[in-house]
Full PDB file with SEQRES, HELIX, SHEET, SSBOND, CRYST1, ORIGX, SCALE, CONECT and MASTER records, all heavy atoms in Angstrom:
SEQRES   1 A   46  VAL ARG ARG SER VAL GLU PRO ALA VAL PRO ILE GLY VAL          
SEQRES   2 A   46  ALA ALA ALA MET VAL ALA ILE LEU LEU GLY ASN LEU THR          
SEQRES   3 A   46  VAL VAL SER PHE THR THR GLU GLN ASN GLY MET LEU LEU          
SEQRES   4 A   46  GLY VAL LEU MET GLY MET ILE                                  
HELIX    1 AA1 ALA A    8  GLY A   23  1                                  16    
HELIX    2 AA2 GLU A   33  MET A   45  1                                  13    
CRYST1    1.000    1.000    1.000  90.00  90.00  90.00 P 1           1          
ORIGX1      1.000000  0.000000  0.000000        0.00000                         
ORIGX2      0.000000  1.000000  0.000000        0.00000                         
ORIGX3      0.000000  0.000000  1.000000        0.00000                         
SCALE1      1.000000  0.000000  0.000000        0.00000                         
SCALE2      0.000000  1.000000  0.000000        0.00000                         
SCALE3      0.000000  0.000000  1.000000        0.00000                         
ATOM      1  N   VAL A   1     -14.907 -21.421   4.466  1.00  0.00           N  
ATOM      2  CA  VAL A   1     -13.736 -22.159   4.986  1.00  0.00           C  
ATOM      3  C   VAL A   1     -13.574 -21.796   6.480  1.00  0.00           C  
ATOM      4  O   VAL A   1     -13.328 -22.663   7.354  1.00  0.00           O  
ATOM      5  CB  VAL A   1     -12.496 -21.977   4.247  1.00  0.00           C  
ATOM      6  CG1 VAL A   1     -11.339 -22.596   4.900  1.00  0.00           C  
ATOM      7  CG2 VAL A   1     -12.631 -22.538   2.810  1.00  0.00           C  
ATOM      8  N   ARG A   2     -13.718 -20.667   6.867  1.00  0.00           N  
ATOM      9  CA  ARG A   2     -13.549 -20.137   8.284  1.00  0.00           C  
ATOM     10  C   ARG A   2     -14.649 -20.616   9.110  1.00  0.00           C  
ATOM     11  O   ARG A   2     -14.458 -21.007  10.237  1.00  0.00           O  
ATOM     12  CB  ARG A   2     -13.415 -18.608   8.291  1.00  0.00           C  
ATOM     13  CG  ARG A   2     -13.186 -18.105   9.656  1.00  0.00           C  
ATOM     14  CD  ARG A   2     -13.108 -16.567   9.756  1.00  0.00           C  
ATOM     15  NE  ARG A   2     -14.333 -15.960   9.480  1.00  0.00           N  
ATOM     16  CZ  ARG A   2     -14.661 -15.155   8.322  1.00  0.00           C  
ATOM     17  NH1 ARG A   2     -13.663 -15.074   7.407  1.00  0.00           N  
ATOM     18  NH2 ARG A   2     -15.815 -14.581   8.194  1.00  0.00           N  
ATOM     19  N   ARG A   3     -15.902 -20.602   8.682  1.00  0.00           N  
ATOM     20  CA  ARG A   3     -16.988 -20.886   9.505  1.00  0.00           C  
ATOM     21  C   ARG A   3     -17.464 -22.385   9.598  1.00  0.00           C  
ATOM     22  O   ARG A   3     -18.153 -22.848  10.467  1.00  0.00           O  
ATOM     23  CB  ARG A   3     -18.220 -20.139   9.104  1.00  0.00           C  
ATOM     24  CG  ARG A   3     -17.943 -18.510   9.498  1.00  0.00           C  
ATOM     25  CD  ARG A   3     -19.285 -17.910   9.124  1.00  0.00           C  
ATOM     26  NE  ARG A   3     -19.236 -16.490   9.423  1.00  0.00           N  
ATOM     27  CZ  ARG A   3     -20.246 -15.593   9.568  1.00  0.00           C  
ATOM     28  NH1 ARG A   3     -21.512 -16.134   9.291  1.00  0.00           N  
ATOM     29  NH2 ARG A   3     -20.029 -14.345   9.817  1.00  0.00           N  
ATOM     30  N   SER A   4     -17.003 -23.224   8.616  1.00  0.00           N  
ATOM     31  CA  SER A   4     -17.429 -24.626   8.561  1.00  0.00           C  
ATOM     32  C   SER A   4     -16.484 -25.403   9.509  1.00  0.00           C  
ATOM     33  O   SER A   4     -15.351 -25.123   9.680  1.00  0.00           O  
ATOM     34  CB  SER A   4     -17.206 -25.156   7.173  1.00  0.00           C  
ATOM     35  OG  SER A   4     -18.088 -24.368   6.273  1.00  0.00           O  
ATOM     36  N   VAL A   5     -17.181 -26.481  10.076  1.00  0.00           N  
ATOM     37  CA  VAL A   5     -16.439 -27.358  10.983  1.00  0.00           C  
ATOM     38  C   VAL A   5     -15.465 -28.273  10.211  1.00  0.00           C  
ATOM     39  O   VAL A   5     -14.336 -28.536  10.659  1.00  0.00           O  
ATOM     40  CB  VAL A   5     -17.397 -28.219  11.743  1.00  0.00           C  
ATOM     41  CG1 VAL A   5     -16.616 -29.189  12.751  1.00  0.00           C  
ATOM     42  CG2 VAL A   5     -18.286 -27.307  12.544  1.00  0.00           C  
ATOM     43  N   GLU A   6     -15.914 -28.842   9.072  1.00  0.00           N  
ATOM     44  CA  GLU A   6     -15.117 -29.639   8.231  1.00  0.00           C  
ATOM     45  C   GLU A   6     -15.242 -29.166   6.759  1.00  0.00           C  
ATOM     46  O   GLU A   6     -15.969 -29.768   5.962  1.00  0.00           O  
ATOM     47  CB  GLU A   6     -15.609 -31.160   8.232  1.00  0.00           C  
ATOM     48  CG  GLU A   6     -15.228 -31.780   9.541  1.00  0.00           C  
ATOM     49  CD  GLU A   6     -13.976 -32.583   9.624  1.00  0.00           C  
ATOM     50  OE1 GLU A   6     -13.299 -32.528   8.612  1.00  0.00           O  
ATOM     51  OE2 GLU A   6     -13.607 -32.913  10.791  1.00  0.00           O  
ATOM     52  N   PRO A   7     -14.489 -28.076   6.409  1.00  0.00           N  
ATOM     53  CA  PRO A   7     -14.745 -27.389   5.106  1.00  0.00           C  
ATOM     54  C   PRO A   7     -14.104 -28.025   3.920  1.00  0.00           C  
ATOM     55  O   PRO A   7     -13.418 -27.321   3.177  1.00  0.00           O  
ATOM     56  CB  PRO A   7     -14.211 -26.033   5.442  1.00  0.00           C  
ATOM     57  CG  PRO A   7     -13.098 -26.265   6.376  1.00  0.00           C  
ATOM     58  CD  PRO A   7     -13.522 -27.411   7.191  1.00  0.00           C  
ATOM     59  N   ALA A   8     -14.101 -29.342   3.753  1.00  0.00           N  
ATOM     60  CA  ALA A   8     -13.398 -30.036   2.747  1.00  0.00           C  
ATOM     61  C   ALA A   8     -13.957 -29.492   1.292  1.00  0.00           C  
ATOM     62  O   ALA A   8     -13.225 -29.318   0.398  1.00  0.00           O  
ATOM     63  CB  ALA A   8     -13.471 -31.533   2.842  1.00  0.00           C  
ATOM     64  N   VAL A   9     -15.293 -29.549   1.184  1.00  0.00           N  
ATOM     65  CA  VAL A   9     -15.826 -29.190  -0.050  1.00  0.00           C  
ATOM     66  C   VAL A   9     -15.567 -27.704  -0.464  1.00  0.00           C  
ATOM     67  O   VAL A   9     -15.220 -27.465  -1.602  1.00  0.00           O  
ATOM     68  CB  VAL A   9     -17.418 -29.417  -0.067  1.00  0.00           C  
ATOM     69  CG1 VAL A   9     -18.126 -28.869  -1.367  1.00  0.00           C  
ATOM     70  CG2 VAL A   9     -17.703 -30.969   0.025  1.00  0.00           C  
ATOM     71  N   PRO A  10     -15.838 -26.710   0.439  1.00  0.00           N  
ATOM     72  CA  PRO A  10     -15.586 -25.331  -0.036  1.00  0.00           C  
ATOM     73  C   PRO A  10     -14.061 -25.261  -0.381  1.00  0.00           C  
ATOM     74  O   PRO A  10     -13.710 -24.357  -1.243  1.00  0.00           O  
ATOM     75  CB  PRO A  10     -16.001 -24.539   1.116  1.00  0.00           C  
ATOM     76  CG  PRO A  10     -16.195 -25.395   2.281  1.00  0.00           C  
ATOM     77  CD  PRO A  10     -16.501 -26.697   1.754  1.00  0.00           C  
ATOM     78  N   ILE A  11     -13.088 -25.853   0.458  1.00  0.00           N  
ATOM     79  CA  ILE A  11     -11.658 -25.792   0.019  1.00  0.00           C  
ATOM     80  C   ILE A  11     -11.412 -26.295  -1.358  1.00  0.00           C  
ATOM     81  O   ILE A  11     -10.778 -25.769  -2.246  1.00  0.00           O  
ATOM     82  CB  ILE A  11     -10.905 -26.483   1.082  1.00  0.00           C  
ATOM     83  CG1 ILE A  11     -10.832 -25.701   2.364  1.00  0.00           C  
ATOM     84  CG2 ILE A  11      -9.412 -26.737   0.624  1.00  0.00           C  
ATOM     85  CD1 ILE A  11     -10.046 -26.355   3.501  1.00  0.00           C  
ATOM     86  N   GLY A  12     -12.039 -27.523  -1.673  1.00  0.00           N  
ATOM     87  CA  GLY A  12     -11.883 -28.170  -2.948  1.00  0.00           C  
ATOM     88  C   GLY A  12     -12.414 -27.370  -4.068  1.00  0.00           C  
ATOM     89  O   GLY A  12     -11.771 -27.181  -5.082  1.00  0.00           O  
ATOM     90  N   VAL A  13     -13.586 -26.722  -3.869  1.00  0.00           N  
ATOM     91  CA  VAL A  13     -14.294 -25.928  -4.870  1.00  0.00           C  
ATOM     92  C   VAL A  13     -13.402 -24.726  -5.112  1.00  0.00           C  
ATOM     93  O   VAL A  13     -13.215 -24.314  -6.257  1.00  0.00           O  
ATOM     94  CB  VAL A  13     -15.606 -25.599  -4.475  1.00  0.00           C  
ATOM     95  CG1 VAL A  13     -16.310 -24.511  -5.391  1.00  0.00           C  
ATOM     96  CG2 VAL A  13     -16.574 -26.818  -4.480  1.00  0.00           C  
ATOM     97  N   ALA A  14     -12.953 -24.127  -4.082  1.00  0.00           N  
ATOM     98  CA  ALA A  14     -12.132 -22.884  -4.377  1.00  0.00           C  
ATOM     99  C   ALA A  14     -10.916 -23.252  -4.919  1.00  0.00           C  
ATOM    100  O   ALA A  14     -10.310 -22.464  -5.937  1.00  0.00           O  
ATOM    101  CB  ALA A  14     -11.722 -22.218  -2.885  1.00  0.00           C  
ATOM    102  N   ALA A  15     -10.221 -24.320  -4.654  1.00  0.00           N  
ATOM    103  CA  ALA A  15      -9.034 -24.782  -5.334  1.00  0.00           C  
ATOM    104  C   ALA A  15      -9.258 -25.054  -6.798  1.00  0.00           C  
ATOM    105  O   ALA A  15      -8.479 -24.714  -7.650  1.00  0.00           O  
ATOM    106  CB  ALA A  15      -8.407 -26.097  -4.612  1.00  0.00           C  
ATOM    107  N   ALA A  16     -10.349 -25.690  -7.152  1.00  0.00           N  
ATOM    108  CA  ALA A  16     -10.739 -26.000  -8.459  1.00  0.00           C  
ATOM    109  C   ALA A  16     -10.993 -24.654  -9.368  1.00  0.00           C  
ATOM    110  O   ALA A  16     -10.526 -24.519 -10.455  1.00  0.00           O  
ATOM    111  CB  ALA A  16     -12.062 -26.786  -8.536  1.00  0.00           C  
ATOM    112  N   MET A  17     -11.531 -23.660  -8.625  1.00  0.00           N  
ATOM    113  CA  MET A  17     -11.723 -22.378  -9.312  1.00  0.00           C  
ATOM    114  C   MET A  17     -10.370 -21.656  -9.628  1.00  0.00           C  
ATOM    115  O   MET A  17     -10.219 -21.141 -10.644  1.00  0.00           O  
ATOM    116  CB  MET A  17     -12.674 -21.465  -8.555  1.00  0.00           C  
ATOM    117  CG  MET A  17     -14.181 -21.925  -8.527  1.00  0.00           C  
ATOM    118  SD  MET A  17     -15.234 -20.870  -7.602  1.00  0.00           S  
ATOM    119  CE  MET A  17     -15.130 -19.401  -8.610  1.00  0.00           C  
ATOM    120  N   VAL A  18      -9.530 -21.859  -8.659  1.00  0.00           N  
ATOM    121  CA  VAL A  18      -8.090 -21.279  -8.886  1.00  0.00           C  
ATOM    122  C   VAL A  18      -7.463 -21.936 -10.059  1.00  0.00           C  
ATOM    123  O   VAL A  18      -6.790 -21.403 -10.894  1.00  0.00           O  
ATOM    124  CB  VAL A  18      -7.318 -21.302  -7.602  1.00  0.00           C  
ATOM    125  CG1 VAL A  18      -5.830 -20.916  -7.821  1.00  0.00           C  
ATOM    126  CG2 VAL A  18      -7.874 -20.383  -6.579  1.00  0.00           C  
ATOM    127  N   ALA A  19      -7.592 -23.287 -10.089  1.00  0.00           N  
ATOM    128  CA  ALA A  19      -7.113 -24.093 -11.152  1.00  0.00           C  
ATOM    129  C   ALA A  19      -7.582 -23.534 -12.505  1.00  0.00           C  
ATOM    130  O   ALA A  19      -6.811 -23.419 -13.523  1.00  0.00           O  
ATOM    131  CB  ALA A  19      -7.396 -25.584 -11.024  1.00  0.00           C  
ATOM    132  N   ILE A  20      -8.867 -23.317 -12.607  1.00  0.00           N  
ATOM    133  CA  ILE A  20      -9.377 -22.847 -13.886  1.00  0.00           C  
ATOM    134  C   ILE A  20      -8.852 -21.445 -14.229  1.00  0.00           C  
ATOM    135  O   ILE A  20      -8.650 -21.099 -15.353  1.00  0.00           O  
ATOM    136  CB  ILE A  20     -10.960 -22.867 -13.861  1.00  0.00           C  
ATOM    137  CG1 ILE A  20     -11.470 -24.248 -13.711  1.00  0.00           C  
ATOM    138  CG2 ILE A  20     -11.534 -22.123 -15.037  1.00  0.00           C  
ATOM    139  CD1 ILE A  20     -12.963 -24.317 -13.533  1.00  0.00           C  
ATOM    140  N   LEU A  21      -8.792 -20.604 -13.159  1.00  0.00           N  
ATOM    141  CA  LEU A  21      -8.388 -19.195 -13.364  1.00  0.00           C  
ATOM    142  C   LEU A  21      -6.803 -19.181 -13.957  1.00  0.00           C  
ATOM    143  O   LEU A  21      -6.550 -18.576 -14.939  1.00  0.00           O  
ATOM    144  CB  LEU A  21      -8.425 -18.426 -12.075  1.00  0.00           C  
ATOM    145  CG  LEU A  21      -7.992 -16.952 -12.157  1.00  0.00           C  
ATOM    146  CD1 LEU A  21      -8.954 -16.140 -13.075  1.00  0.00           C  
ATOM    147  CD2 LEU A  21      -7.988 -16.391 -10.730  1.00  0.00           C  
ATOM    148  N   LEU A  22      -5.921 -19.993 -13.275  1.00  0.00           N  
ATOM    149  CA  LEU A  22      -4.614 -19.963 -13.588  1.00  0.00           C  
ATOM    150  C   LEU A  22      -4.323 -20.743 -14.987  1.00  0.00           C  
ATOM    151  O   LEU A  22      -3.416 -20.368 -15.708  1.00  0.00           O  
ATOM    152  CB  LEU A  22      -3.690 -20.513 -12.495  1.00  0.00           C  
ATOM    153  CG  LEU A  22      -3.635 -19.785 -11.187  1.00  0.00           C  
ATOM    154  CD1 LEU A  22      -2.552 -20.381 -10.286  1.00  0.00           C  
ATOM    155  CD2 LEU A  22      -3.272 -18.253 -11.490  1.00  0.00           C  
ATOM    156  N   GLY A  23      -5.107 -21.709 -15.134  1.00  0.00           N  
ATOM    157  CA  GLY A  23      -5.007 -22.468 -16.492  1.00  0.00           C  
ATOM    158  C   GLY A  23      -5.271 -21.548 -17.600  1.00  0.00           C  
ATOM    159  O   GLY A  23      -4.762 -21.784 -18.672  1.00  0.00           O  
ATOM    160  N   ASN A  24      -6.050 -20.491 -17.383  1.00  0.00           N  
ATOM    161  CA  ASN A  24      -6.427 -19.620 -18.502  1.00  0.00           C  
ATOM    162  C   ASN A  24      -5.304 -18.562 -18.735  1.00  0.00           C  
ATOM    163  O   ASN A  24      -5.535 -17.651 -19.623  1.00  0.00           O  
ATOM    164  CB  ASN A  24      -7.737 -18.928 -18.274  1.00  0.00           C  
ATOM    165  CG  ASN A  24      -8.912 -19.819 -18.713  1.00  0.00           C  
ATOM    166  OD1 ASN A  24      -9.366 -19.618 -19.844  1.00  0.00           O  
ATOM    167  ND2 ASN A  24      -9.408 -20.596 -17.881  1.00  0.00           N  
ATOM    168  N   LEU A  25      -4.284 -18.656 -18.084  1.00  0.00           N  
ATOM    169  CA  LEU A  25      -3.186 -17.776 -18.257  1.00  0.00           C  
ATOM    170  C   LEU A  25      -2.376 -18.101 -19.536  1.00  0.00           C  
ATOM    171  O   LEU A  25      -1.748 -17.200 -20.109  1.00  0.00           O  
ATOM    172  CB  LEU A  25      -2.120 -17.652 -17.121  1.00  0.00           C  
ATOM    173  CG  LEU A  25      -2.617 -17.211 -15.763  1.00  0.00           C  
ATOM    174  CD1 LEU A  25      -1.619 -17.275 -14.679  1.00  0.00           C  
ATOM    175  CD2 LEU A  25      -3.040 -15.686 -15.982  1.00  0.00           C  
ATOM    176  N   THR A  26      -2.490 -19.257 -20.062  1.00  0.00           N  
ATOM    177  CA  THR A  26      -1.866 -19.634 -21.317  1.00  0.00           C  
ATOM    178  C   THR A  26      -2.808 -20.173 -22.336  1.00  0.00           C  
ATOM    179  O   THR A  26      -2.323 -20.773 -23.336  1.00  0.00           O  
ATOM    180  CB  THR A  26      -0.701 -20.695 -21.014  1.00  0.00           C  
ATOM    181  OG1 THR A  26      -1.469 -21.880 -20.295  1.00  0.00           O  
ATOM    182  CG2 THR A  26       0.299 -20.165 -20.034  1.00  0.00           C  
ATOM    183  N   VAL A  27      -4.082 -20.077 -22.060  1.00  0.00           N  
ATOM    184  CA  VAL A  27      -5.106 -20.529 -23.114  1.00  0.00           C  
ATOM    185  C   VAL A  27      -6.391 -19.870 -22.877  1.00  0.00           C  
ATOM    186  O   VAL A  27      -6.636 -19.424 -21.659  1.00  0.00           O  
ATOM    187  CB  VAL A  27      -5.184 -22.063 -23.101  1.00  0.00           C  
ATOM    188  CG1 VAL A  27      -5.959 -22.501 -21.735  1.00  0.00           C  
ATOM    189  CG2 VAL A  27      -5.927 -22.594 -24.290  1.00  0.00           C  
ATOM    190  N   VAL A  28      -7.199 -19.675 -23.759  1.00  0.00           N  
ATOM    191  CA  VAL A  28      -8.555 -19.132 -23.635  1.00  0.00           C  
ATOM    192  C   VAL A  28      -9.667 -20.238 -23.486  1.00  0.00           C  
ATOM    193  O   VAL A  28     -10.049 -20.751 -24.520  1.00  0.00           O  
ATOM    194  CB  VAL A  28      -8.878 -18.147 -24.729  1.00  0.00           C  
ATOM    195  CG1 VAL A  28     -10.191 -17.405 -24.486  1.00  0.00           C  
ATOM    196  CG2 VAL A  28      -7.870 -17.044 -24.926  1.00  0.00           C  
ATOM    197  N   SER A  29     -10.012 -20.492 -22.295  1.00  0.00           N  
ATOM    198  CA  SER A  29     -10.969 -21.657 -22.102  1.00  0.00           C  
ATOM    199  C   SER A  29     -11.948 -21.402 -21.009  1.00  0.00           C  
ATOM    200  O   SER A  29     -12.736 -22.347 -20.553  1.00  0.00           O  
ATOM    201  CB  SER A  29     -10.183 -22.883 -21.777  1.00  0.00           C  
ATOM    202  OG  SER A  29      -9.720 -22.796 -20.358  1.00  0.00           O  
ATOM    203  N   PHE A  30     -12.277 -20.162 -20.604  1.00  0.00           N  
ATOM    204  CA  PHE A  30     -13.290 -19.867 -19.656  1.00  0.00           C  
ATOM    205  C   PHE A  30     -14.731 -20.424 -20.125  1.00  0.00           C  
ATOM    206  O   PHE A  30     -15.402 -20.950 -19.368  1.00  0.00           O  
ATOM    207  CB  PHE A  30     -13.430 -18.380 -19.351  1.00  0.00           C  
ATOM    208  CG  PHE A  30     -12.330 -17.883 -18.405  1.00  0.00           C  
ATOM    209  CD1 PHE A  30     -11.384 -17.021 -18.813  1.00  0.00           C  
ATOM    210  CD2 PHE A  30     -12.250 -18.371 -17.116  1.00  0.00           C  
ATOM    211  CE1 PHE A  30     -10.438 -16.462 -17.975  1.00  0.00           C  
ATOM    212  CE2 PHE A  30     -11.285 -17.878 -16.217  1.00  0.00           C  
ATOM    213  CZ  PHE A  30     -10.480 -17.028 -16.575  1.00  0.00           C  
ATOM    214  N   THR A  31     -14.978 -20.137 -21.457  1.00  0.00           N  
ATOM    215  CA  THR A  31     -16.344 -20.416 -21.931  1.00  0.00           C  
ATOM    216  C   THR A  31     -16.518 -21.694 -22.889  1.00  0.00           C  
ATOM    217  O   THR A  31     -17.487 -21.861 -23.433  1.00  0.00           O  
ATOM    218  CB  THR A  31     -16.768 -19.207 -22.752  1.00  0.00           C  
ATOM    219  OG1 THR A  31     -15.853 -18.972 -23.787  1.00  0.00           O  
ATOM    220  CG2 THR A  31     -16.896 -17.990 -21.846  1.00  0.00           C  
ATOM    221  N   THR A  32     -15.383 -22.498 -22.907  1.00  0.00           N  
ATOM    222  CA  THR A  32     -15.568 -23.721 -23.549  1.00  0.00           C  
ATOM    223  C   THR A  32     -16.538 -24.559 -22.894  1.00  0.00           C  
ATOM    224  O   THR A  32     -16.778 -24.501 -21.730  1.00  0.00           O  
ATOM    225  CB  THR A  32     -14.152 -24.414 -23.743  1.00  0.00           C  
ATOM    226  OG1 THR A  32     -13.662 -24.524 -22.379  1.00  0.00           O  
ATOM    227  CG2 THR A  32     -13.262 -23.721 -24.657  1.00  0.00           C  
ATOM    228  N   GLU A  33     -17.085 -25.645 -23.582  1.00  0.00           N  
ATOM    229  CA  GLU A  33     -18.337 -26.348 -23.174  1.00  0.00           C  
ATOM    230  C   GLU A  33     -18.166 -26.890 -21.746  1.00  0.00           C  
ATOM    231  O   GLU A  33     -18.916 -26.603 -20.892  1.00  0.00           O  
ATOM    232  CB  GLU A  33     -18.590 -27.468 -24.150  1.00  0.00           C  
ATOM    233  CG  GLU A  33     -19.305 -26.977 -25.444  1.00  0.00           C  
ATOM    234  CD  GLU A  33     -18.396 -26.421 -26.454  1.00  0.00           C  
ATOM    235  OE1 GLU A  33     -17.116 -26.506 -26.225  1.00  0.00           O  
ATOM    236  OE2 GLU A  33     -18.800 -26.041 -27.485  1.00  0.00           O  
ATOM    237  N   GLN A  34     -17.213 -27.737 -21.590  1.00  0.00           N  
ATOM    238  CA  GLN A  34     -17.015 -28.302 -20.230  1.00  0.00           C  
ATOM    239  C   GLN A  34     -16.473 -27.380 -19.205  1.00  0.00           C  
ATOM    240  O   GLN A  34     -17.056 -27.262 -18.125  1.00  0.00           O  
ATOM    241  CB  GLN A  34     -16.133 -29.605 -20.365  1.00  0.00           C  
ATOM    242  CG  GLN A  34     -16.693 -30.758 -21.065  1.00  0.00           C  
ATOM    243  CD  GLN A  34     -15.763 -31.818 -21.407  1.00  0.00           C  
ATOM    244  OE1 GLN A  34     -14.610 -31.621 -21.757  1.00  0.00           O  
ATOM    245  NE2 GLN A  34     -16.276 -33.051 -21.134  1.00  0.00           N  
ATOM    246  N   ASN A  35     -15.426 -26.721 -19.572  1.00  0.00           N  
ATOM    247  CA  ASN A  35     -14.857 -25.751 -18.526  1.00  0.00           C  
ATOM    248  C   ASN A  35     -15.838 -24.582 -18.097  1.00  0.00           C  
ATOM    249  O   ASN A  35     -16.046 -24.285 -17.021  1.00  0.00           O  
ATOM    250  CB  ASN A  35     -13.621 -25.062 -19.143  1.00  0.00           C  
ATOM    251  CG  ASN A  35     -12.463 -26.082 -19.181  1.00  0.00           C  
ATOM    252  OD1 ASN A  35     -12.553 -27.212 -18.728  1.00  0.00           O  
ATOM    253  ND2 ASN A  35     -11.385 -25.604 -19.711  1.00  0.00           N  
ATOM    254  N   GLY A  36     -16.649 -24.093 -19.114  1.00  0.00           N  
ATOM    255  CA  GLY A  36     -17.578 -23.049 -18.814  1.00  0.00           C  
ATOM    256  C   GLY A  36     -18.672 -23.506 -17.826  1.00  0.00           C  
ATOM    257  O   GLY A  36     -18.870 -22.804 -16.772  1.00  0.00           O  
ATOM    258  N   MET A  37     -19.207 -24.707 -17.993  1.00  0.00           N  
ATOM    259  CA  MET A  37     -20.327 -25.119 -17.175  1.00  0.00           C  
ATOM    260  C   MET A  37     -19.766 -25.622 -15.880  1.00  0.00           C  
ATOM    261  O   MET A  37     -20.375 -25.547 -14.795  1.00  0.00           O  
ATOM    262  CB  MET A  37     -21.200 -26.281 -17.842  1.00  0.00           C  
ATOM    263  CG  MET A  37     -21.966 -25.750 -18.944  1.00  0.00           C  
ATOM    264  SD  MET A  37     -23.256 -26.934 -19.622  1.00  0.00           S  
ATOM    265  CE  MET A  37     -24.428 -26.693 -18.213  1.00  0.00           C  
ATOM    266  N   LEU A  38     -18.560 -26.185 -15.831  1.00  0.00           N  
ATOM    267  CA  LEU A  38     -17.860 -26.530 -14.616  1.00  0.00           C  
ATOM    268  C   LEU A  38     -17.605 -25.316 -13.769  1.00  0.00           C  
ATOM    269  O   LEU A  38     -17.859 -25.349 -12.516  1.00  0.00           O  
ATOM    270  CB  LEU A  38     -16.518 -27.313 -14.938  1.00  0.00           C  
ATOM    271  CG  LEU A  38     -15.816 -27.525 -13.616  1.00  0.00           C  
ATOM    272  CD1 LEU A  38     -16.390 -28.555 -12.730  1.00  0.00           C  
ATOM    273  CD2 LEU A  38     -14.387 -28.223 -14.114  1.00  0.00           C  
ATOM    274  N   LEU A  39     -17.151 -24.251 -14.401  1.00  0.00           N  
ATOM    275  CA  LEU A  39     -16.927 -23.049 -13.615  1.00  0.00           C  
ATOM    276  C   LEU A  39     -18.261 -22.504 -12.947  1.00  0.00           C  
ATOM    277  O   LEU A  39     -18.291 -21.979 -11.909  1.00  0.00           O  
ATOM    278  CB  LEU A  39     -16.358 -21.888 -14.533  1.00  0.00           C  
ATOM    279  CG  LEU A  39     -16.120 -20.598 -13.874  1.00  0.00           C  
ATOM    280  CD1 LEU A  39     -15.223 -20.665 -12.766  1.00  0.00           C  
ATOM    281  CD2 LEU A  39     -15.632 -19.679 -14.982  1.00  0.00           C  
ATOM    282  N   GLY A  40     -19.338 -22.607 -13.756  1.00  0.00           N  
ATOM    283  CA  GLY A  40     -20.633 -22.208 -13.256  1.00  0.00           C  
ATOM    284  C   GLY A  40     -21.128 -23.017 -12.055  1.00  0.00           C  
ATOM    285  O   GLY A  40     -21.605 -22.542 -11.103  1.00  0.00           O  
ATOM    286  N   VAL A  41     -20.861 -24.382 -12.170  1.00  0.00           N  
ATOM    287  CA  VAL A  41     -21.224 -25.176 -11.041  1.00  0.00           C  
ATOM    288  C   VAL A  41     -20.429 -24.838  -9.785  1.00  0.00           C  
ATOM    289  O   VAL A  41     -21.045 -24.826  -8.704  1.00  0.00           O  
ATOM    290  CB  VAL A  41     -21.056 -26.779 -11.429  1.00  0.00           C  
ATOM    291  CG1 VAL A  41     -21.237 -27.612 -10.149  1.00  0.00           C  
ATOM    292  CG2 VAL A  41     -22.079 -27.176 -12.552  1.00  0.00           C  
ATOM    293  N   LEU A  42     -19.205 -24.654  -9.933  1.00  0.00           N  
ATOM    294  CA  LEU A  42     -18.311 -24.243  -8.792  1.00  0.00           C  
ATOM    295  C   LEU A  42     -18.772 -22.994  -8.204  1.00  0.00           C  
ATOM    296  O   LEU A  42     -18.812 -22.788  -6.966  1.00  0.00           O  
ATOM    297  CB  LEU A  42     -16.872 -24.280  -9.242  1.00  0.00           C  
ATOM    298  CG  LEU A  42     -16.170 -25.576  -9.801  1.00  0.00           C  
ATOM    299  CD1 LEU A  42     -14.896 -25.316 -10.342  1.00  0.00           C  
ATOM    300  CD2 LEU A  42     -16.181 -26.687  -8.652  1.00  0.00           C  
ATOM    301  N   MET A  43     -19.109 -21.966  -9.110  1.00  0.00           N  
ATOM    302  CA  MET A  43     -19.475 -20.795  -8.604  1.00  0.00           C  
ATOM    303  C   MET A  43     -20.812 -20.840  -7.742  1.00  0.00           C  
ATOM    304  O   MET A  43     -21.007 -20.207  -6.705  1.00  0.00           O  
ATOM    305  CB  MET A  43     -19.795 -19.746  -9.737  1.00  0.00           C  
ATOM    306  CG  MET A  43     -18.467 -19.226 -10.361  1.00  0.00           C  
ATOM    307  SD  MET A  43     -18.672 -18.296 -11.829  1.00  0.00           S  
ATOM    308  CE  MET A  43     -19.658 -16.811 -11.059  1.00  0.00           C  
ATOM    309  N   GLY A  44     -21.650 -21.705  -8.211  1.00  0.00           N  
ATOM    310  CA  GLY A  44     -23.054 -21.912  -7.495  1.00  0.00           C  
ATOM    311  C   GLY A  44     -22.729 -22.567  -6.181  1.00  0.00           C  
ATOM    312  O   GLY A  44     -23.429 -22.218  -5.159  1.00  0.00           O  
ATOM    313  N   MET A  45     -21.863 -23.524  -6.151  1.00  0.00           N  
ATOM    314  CA  MET A  45     -21.570 -24.228  -4.869  1.00  0.00           C  
ATOM    315  C   MET A  45     -20.915 -23.152  -3.815  1.00  0.00           C  
ATOM    316  O   MET A  45     -21.274 -23.238  -2.686  1.00  0.00           O  
ATOM    317  CB  MET A  45     -20.640 -25.409  -5.100  1.00  0.00           C  
ATOM    318  CG  MET A  45     -21.299 -26.460  -5.906  1.00  0.00           C  
ATOM    319  SD  MET A  45     -20.056 -27.851  -6.421  1.00  0.00           S  
ATOM    320  CE  MET A  45     -19.825 -28.618  -4.780  1.00  0.00           C  
ATOM    321  N   ILE A  46     -20.082 -22.350  -4.297  1.00  0.00           N  
ATOM    322  CA  ILE A  46     -19.502 -21.382  -3.347  1.00  0.00           C  
ATOM    323  C   ILE A  46     -20.458 -20.255  -3.010  1.00  0.00           C  
ATOM    324  O   ILE A  46     -20.583 -19.914  -1.886  1.00  0.00           O  
ATOM    325  CB  ILE A  46     -18.243 -20.649  -4.050  1.00  0.00           C  
ATOM    326  CG1 ILE A  46     -16.997 -21.570  -4.025  1.00  0.00           C  
ATOM    327  CG2 ILE A  46     -17.940 -19.346  -3.373  1.00  0.00           C  
ATOM    328  CD1 ILE A  46     -16.509 -21.836  -2.676  1.00  0.00           C  
TER     329      ILE A  46                                                      
MASTER        0    0    0    2    0    0    0    6  328    1    0    4          
END                                                                             
């Protein structure tokens, strides 16, 4: 975010990862089919 000229994608990816992290405060879903692979894709992009 600091080094990019137009960091829309890394900002969005970081926000999506925070959403997954906080959503798991009231449910266990890190490794469910869609959420798990989505988290992996976001980690790879970052």
